[in-house]
Every structure is written in C-alpha cells, then in structure tokens.
C-alpha cells in the first residue's frame, strides 16, 4: 500500500498526541502506532515498548493481520472494526488490549493504534501513575450539558471574581465581566453575545462595544 500525503498527515496527527496520551495513562500502558504501508516494518512510533521489547520498525502482529483480513473480507465499518480483547503475551503476561483502525483519504484503512494494558503491572505502580507528583496546574472544569449552560456558568464564575472586588468601580463591573469572558474565549461560542447580554441585563450593543475595545487594545499592543 502506498500512502498519500494526506494519509501521512493523518498518521502524524496520531503520532503527535501519543506522548501526552502515554503520560496521562502511565507506564502500565504500551501504545503503538502502525502504518499499513509496510507490514514488515509497520510500527512508526511506540510508547513504553520495553513491555514487548519492540521499537519503531517492528512488524505487524499476527492478531493485527487477522483483524485486517476480517475487516477487508467482511467490509466492516469503522465502528465495527474496533476491537477490545484480553490476550496473553509471548512471555505469559496478561493484557487488556484495544486495536483502533485509522482511516485516511477516501475512507481507506491506513493504520492502527494499539493500546495494551499490562494487567500484571503492580497495582502500586498504576496508582502512583494516577495519583503521583504532577508538574501541571490544577484546574476547575465544568462539564455543561449545553452551550447555554456553559455560558451561564462562565458568567457566574466571572461575577464571583468581579462583584465583590471593591477595587472595581460599580460603573465598570459589566465591562470587567465581559473582559473576563472575552479572555476565556466565551465569545467564540455561537450566539454568546446575545446570551451574555440577556444574563447581565444589558444590550447586545453594549457587549459589542466592550468587545471592540478589547480587540482594539490587543491590536494596539502588537
């Protein structure tokens, strides 16, 4: 199989997120990305490959070959060709595995991402990966059920920051609220201006006026 430029870009997009995915899941997970351009050297990237002793350039596994044969013979859809299963490695280790097909230009199957959880990994190691030292910041995230709900929650958070801040004059409260919402990208949501204006009890023109001032200020700083 010869991959097109678009096919390669698709695979590159998977490869670029594997480092972050591996850091999130932890060392008990081996993640490999396969290109179907060359079955003999299908692995283009692998994380925690020490589990299986593989590195980039390793061949496609027998199970993956069987899966490809089944997909082609049965003309399976992307949803139907996904596989999650238990397996045992050649060294006797127990795995929970997932093989995710990757489709490229014109819906052609071009690769696979395989995720293997090594179930014999000590539980203490898995827990340490999940709860151990973390260099990033801790953020609060609100999982909204609708965009209206999301905007309303963002406005409520902004109000908590502004309304009881005595250093902000009362006449500037709404301006500061809109600035916070602007900096958090709320106005990238469709119809956000109308929804924010309704919640704050002000006109849309007032919201637009403040937004023009903020965007104009940023352009001036450049």
Protein backbone atom coordinates (compact mmCIF):
# COMPACT_ATOMS: atom_id res chain seq x y z
CA UNK A 1 0.00 0.00 0.00
CA UNK A 2 1.24 3.47 -0.90
CA UNK A 3 0.19 6.23 1.48
CA UNK A 4 -0.74 9.67 0.15
CA UNK A 5 0.41 12.95 1.69
CA UNK A 6 -2.96 13.27 3.41
CA UNK A 7 -2.69 9.70 4.76
CA UNK A 8 0.71 10.53 6.24
CA UNK A 9 -0.64 13.71 7.82
CA UNK A 10 -3.39 11.67 9.46
CA UNK A 11 -0.87 9.25 10.93
CA UNK A 12 1.35 12.15 12.01
CA UNK A 13 -1.60 13.63 13.93
CA UNK A 14 -1.93 10.38 15.89
CA UNK A 15 1.82 10.20 16.48
CA UNK A 16 1.94 13.77 17.80
CA UNK A 17 -0.54 13.05 20.62
CA UNK A 18 0.96 9.74 21.75
CA UNK A 19 3.46 11.30 24.17
CA UNK A 20 0.69 13.14 26.01
CA UNK A 21 -1.61 10.10 25.97
CA UNK A 22 1.15 7.91 27.37
CA UNK A 23 1.95 10.46 30.09
CA UNK A 24 -1.73 10.51 31.04
CA UNK A 25 -2.26 6.73 31.10
CA UNK A 26 1.04 5.80 32.73
CA UNK A 27 3.78 3.22 32.36
CA UNK A 28 1.47 0.18 32.52
CA UNK A 29 0.22 1.02 29.01
CA UNK A 30 2.11 0.25 25.83
CA UNK A 31 0.83 2.32 22.89
CA UNK A 32 1.90 1.58 19.33
CA UNK A 33 1.07 3.30 16.06
CA UNK A 34 1.15 1.19 12.90
CA UNK A 35 1.29 2.22 9.26
CA UNK A 36 -0.07 -0.26 6.74
CA UNK A 37 2.34 0.95 4.07
CA UNK A 38 4.82 -1.75 5.08
CA UNK A 39 3.60 -4.71 7.15
CA UNK A 40 7.18 -5.83 7.80
CA UNK A 41 8.05 -2.52 9.47
CA UNK A 42 4.61 -1.25 10.46
CA UNK A 43 5.40 0.32 13.84
CA UNK A 44 6.10 4.01 13.27
CA UNK A 45 6.00 5.02 16.95
CA UNK A 46 5.70 3.17 20.23
CA UNK A 47 5.48 4.27 23.86
CA UNK A 48 6.73 2.02 26.69
CA UNK A 49 7.86 -0.52 24.14
CA UNK A 50 10.05 -2.19 26.75
CA UNK A 51 6.98 -4.22 27.74
CA UNK A 52 7.07 -6.19 24.48
CA UNK A 53 10.66 -5.46 23.50
CA UNK A 54 9.51 -3.64 20.37
CA UNK A 55 10.67 -0.38 18.85
CA UNK A 56 9.88 1.65 15.73
CA UNK A 57 10.26 -0.56 12.67
CA UNK A 58 8.78 -3.68 14.26
CA UNK A 59 6.36 -5.74 12.12
CA UNK A 60 2.59 -6.03 12.35
CA UNK A 61 1.45 -8.69 14.84
CA UNK A 62 -0.37 -11.86 13.82
CA UNK A 63 -3.51 -10.69 15.59
CA UNK A 64 -3.46 -7.37 13.71
CA UNK A 65 -3.02 -9.24 10.43
CA UNK A 66 -6.05 -11.40 11.22
CA UNK A 67 -8.04 -8.31 12.11
CA UNK A 68 -7.14 -6.67 8.80
CA UNK A 69 -8.21 -9.79 6.93
CA UNK A 70 -11.56 -9.78 8.74
CA UNK A 71 -12.14 -6.07 8.04
CA UNK A 72 -11.42 -6.48 4.34
CA UNK A 73 -13.41 -9.70 3.88
CA UNK A 74 -16.47 -8.51 5.80
CA UNK A 75 -16.26 -4.88 4.64
CA UNK A 76 -16.64 -3.65 8.21
CA UNK A 77 -17.31 -0.04 9.14
CA UNK A 78 -15.00 1.95 11.43
CA UNK A 79 -17.24 1.24 14.44
CA UNK A 80 -17.47 -2.47 13.61
CA UNK A 81 -13.73 -2.87 13.11
CA UNK A 82 -12.77 -1.57 16.55
CA UNK A 83 -11.64 -4.40 18.82
CA UNK A 84 -11.17 -4.69 22.57
CA UNK A 85 -9.99 -8.01 23.95
CA UNK A 86 -7.94 -9.90 26.53
CA UNK A 87 -4.73 -11.56 25.45
CA UNK A 88 -1.54 -13.19 26.75
CA UNK A 89 1.88 -12.11 25.54
CA UNK A 90 4.61 -14.47 24.41
CA UNK A 91 6.19 -14.10 27.85
CA UNK A 92 2.96 -15.06 29.62
CA UNK A 93 1.85 -11.59 30.68
CA UNK A 94 -1.87 -10.85 30.78
CA UNK A 95 -3.09 -7.89 28.73
CA UNK A 96 -6.25 -5.95 28.11
CA UNK A 97 -5.88 -4.66 24.55
CA UNK A 98 -7.61 -2.34 22.13
CA UNK A 99 -6.91 -2.08 18.42
CA UNK A 100 -8.26 1.07 16.81
CA UNK A 101 -8.33 1.28 12.99
CA UNK A 102 -7.18 4.55 11.39
CA UNK A 103 -8.76 5.71 8.16
CA UNK A 104 -7.18 8.15 5.75
CA UNK A 105 -8.00 9.73 2.42
CA UNK A 106 -11.20 8.46 0.77
CA UNK A 107 -12.01 6.28 3.77
CA UNK A 108 -9.12 3.89 3.16
CA UNK A 109 -7.75 1.92 6.12
CA UNK A 110 -4.16 3.17 6.51
CA UNK A 111 -3.05 2.26 10.01
CA UNK A 112 -3.86 1.11 13.51
CA UNK A 113 -3.32 2.31 17.04
CA UNK A 114 -2.88 -0.49 19.56
CA UNK A 115 -3.16 0.08 23.31
CA UNK A 116 -2.06 -2.70 25.65
CA UNK A 117 -2.64 -2.53 29.39
CA UNK A 118 -0.26 -4.92 31.16
CA UNK A 119 -2.52 -6.33 33.85
CA UNK A 120 0.36 -7.92 35.76
CA UNK A 121 1.81 -4.46 36.48
CA UNK A 122 1.96 -3.95 40.27
CA UNK A 123 -1.11 -2.06 41.46
CA UNK A 124 1.14 0.31 43.39
CA UNK A 125 2.80 1.37 40.12
CA UNK A 126 -0.54 2.01 38.43
CA UNK A 127 -1.79 4.05 41.40
CA UNK A 128 1.47 6.00 41.50
CA UNK A 129 1.00 6.96 37.85
CA UNK A 130 -2.56 8.08 38.55
CA UNK A 131 -2.01 9.99 41.78
CA UNK A 132 1.72 10.68 41.97
CA UNK A 133 3.53 14.03 41.70
CA UNK A 134 2.13 16.24 38.95
CA UNK A 135 4.01 19.17 37.42
CA UNK A 136 0.94 20.78 35.84
CA UNK A 137 -1.59 23.13 37.41
CA UNK A 138 -4.89 22.08 38.95
CA UNK A 139 -7.87 23.50 37.08
CA UNK A 140 -11.59 23.53 37.70
CA UNK A 141 -13.59 22.24 34.75
CA UNK A 142 -17.36 22.47 34.36
CA UNK A 143 -19.00 19.81 32.19
CA UNK A 144 -22.00 21.57 30.71
CA UNK A 145 -24.94 19.83 29.07
CA UNK A 146 -25.50 22.69 26.59
CA UNK A 147 -23.82 25.87 25.34
CA UNK A 148 -26.38 27.96 27.23
CA UNK A 149 -25.46 26.13 30.43
CA UNK A 150 -21.76 26.61 29.68
CA UNK A 151 -22.13 30.36 29.11
CA UNK A 152 -24.27 30.78 32.22
CA UNK A 153 -21.65 29.01 34.31
CA UNK A 154 -18.86 31.17 32.84
CA UNK A 155 -20.84 34.32 33.65
CA UNK A 156 -21.42 33.08 37.22
CA UNK A 157 -17.69 32.46 37.68
CA UNK A 158 -16.87 35.92 36.30
CA UNK A 159 -19.41 37.51 38.62
CA UNK A 160 -17.78 35.84 41.61
CA UNK A 161 -14.49 37.45 40.61
CA UNK A 162 -15.92 40.91 39.94
CA UNK A 163 -18.96 41.74 42.06
CA UNK A 164 -17.21 41.56 45.42
CA UNK A 165 -13.99 43.15 44.22
CA UNK A 166 -14.12 46.59 45.84
CA UNK A 167 -11.25 47.87 43.69
CA UNK A 168 -13.50 47.80 40.62
CA UNK A 169 -15.89 50.78 40.41
CA UNK A 170 -19.55 49.85 40.09
CA UNK A 171 -19.80 51.51 36.67
CA UNK A 172 -17.04 49.21 35.36
CA UNK A 173 -18.39 45.92 36.72
CA UNK A 174 -20.05 44.80 33.47
CA UNK A 175 -17.02 45.85 31.44
CA UNK A 176 -14.77 43.74 33.67
CA UNK A 177 -17.18 40.80 33.48
CA UNK A 178 -17.12 40.92 29.69
CA UNK A 179 -13.33 41.23 29.70
CA UNK A 180 -13.00 38.03 31.74
CA UNK A 181 -15.43 36.19 29.44
CA UNK A 182 -13.54 37.51 26.41
CA UNK A 183 -10.18 36.31 27.75
CA UNK A 184 -11.66 32.86 28.43
CA UNK A 185 -12.86 32.55 24.84
CA UNK A 186 -16.56 32.51 25.72
CA UNK A 187 -17.43 34.72 22.76
CA UNK A 188 -16.14 32.10 20.35
CA UNK A 189 -19.35 30.21 21.12
CA UNK A 190 -22.18 30.85 18.69
CA UNK A 191 -24.76 33.40 19.96
CA UNK A 192 -22.68 34.05 23.09
CA UNK A 193 -23.13 37.83 22.80
CA UNK A 194 -26.92 37.53 22.92
CA UNK A 195 -26.85 35.07 25.81
CA UNK A 196 -24.37 37.14 27.87
CA UNK A 197 -26.38 40.32 27.25
CA UNK A 198 -29.56 38.56 28.41
CA UNK A 199 -27.96 37.18 31.58
CA UNK A 200 -26.38 40.53 32.50
CA UNK A 201 -29.49 42.51 31.60
CA UNK A 202 -27.67 44.79 29.16
CA UNK A 203 -27.96 45.40 25.43
CA UNK A 204 -26.07 43.46 22.80
CA UNK A 205 -24.63 46.75 21.56
CA UNK A 206 -23.05 47.30 24.97
CA UNK A 207 -21.41 43.88 24.81
CA UNK A 208 -20.18 44.55 21.27
CA UNK A 209 -18.80 47.94 22.32
CA UNK A 210 -16.68 46.40 25.06
CA UNK A 211 -15.52 43.59 22.77
CA UNK A 212 -14.39 46.11 20.14
CA UNK A 213 -12.41 47.94 22.81
CA UNK A 214 -10.72 44.73 23.97
CA UNK A 215 -9.84 43.54 20.47
CA UNK A 216 -8.63 47.01 19.50
CA UNK A 217 -6.43 47.18 22.59
CA UNK A 218 -4.79 43.85 21.69
CA UNK A 219 -4.09 45.02 18.16
CA UNK A 220 -2.53 48.18 19.52
CA UNK A 221 -0.19 46.16 21.76
CA UNK A 222 1.09 44.26 18.73
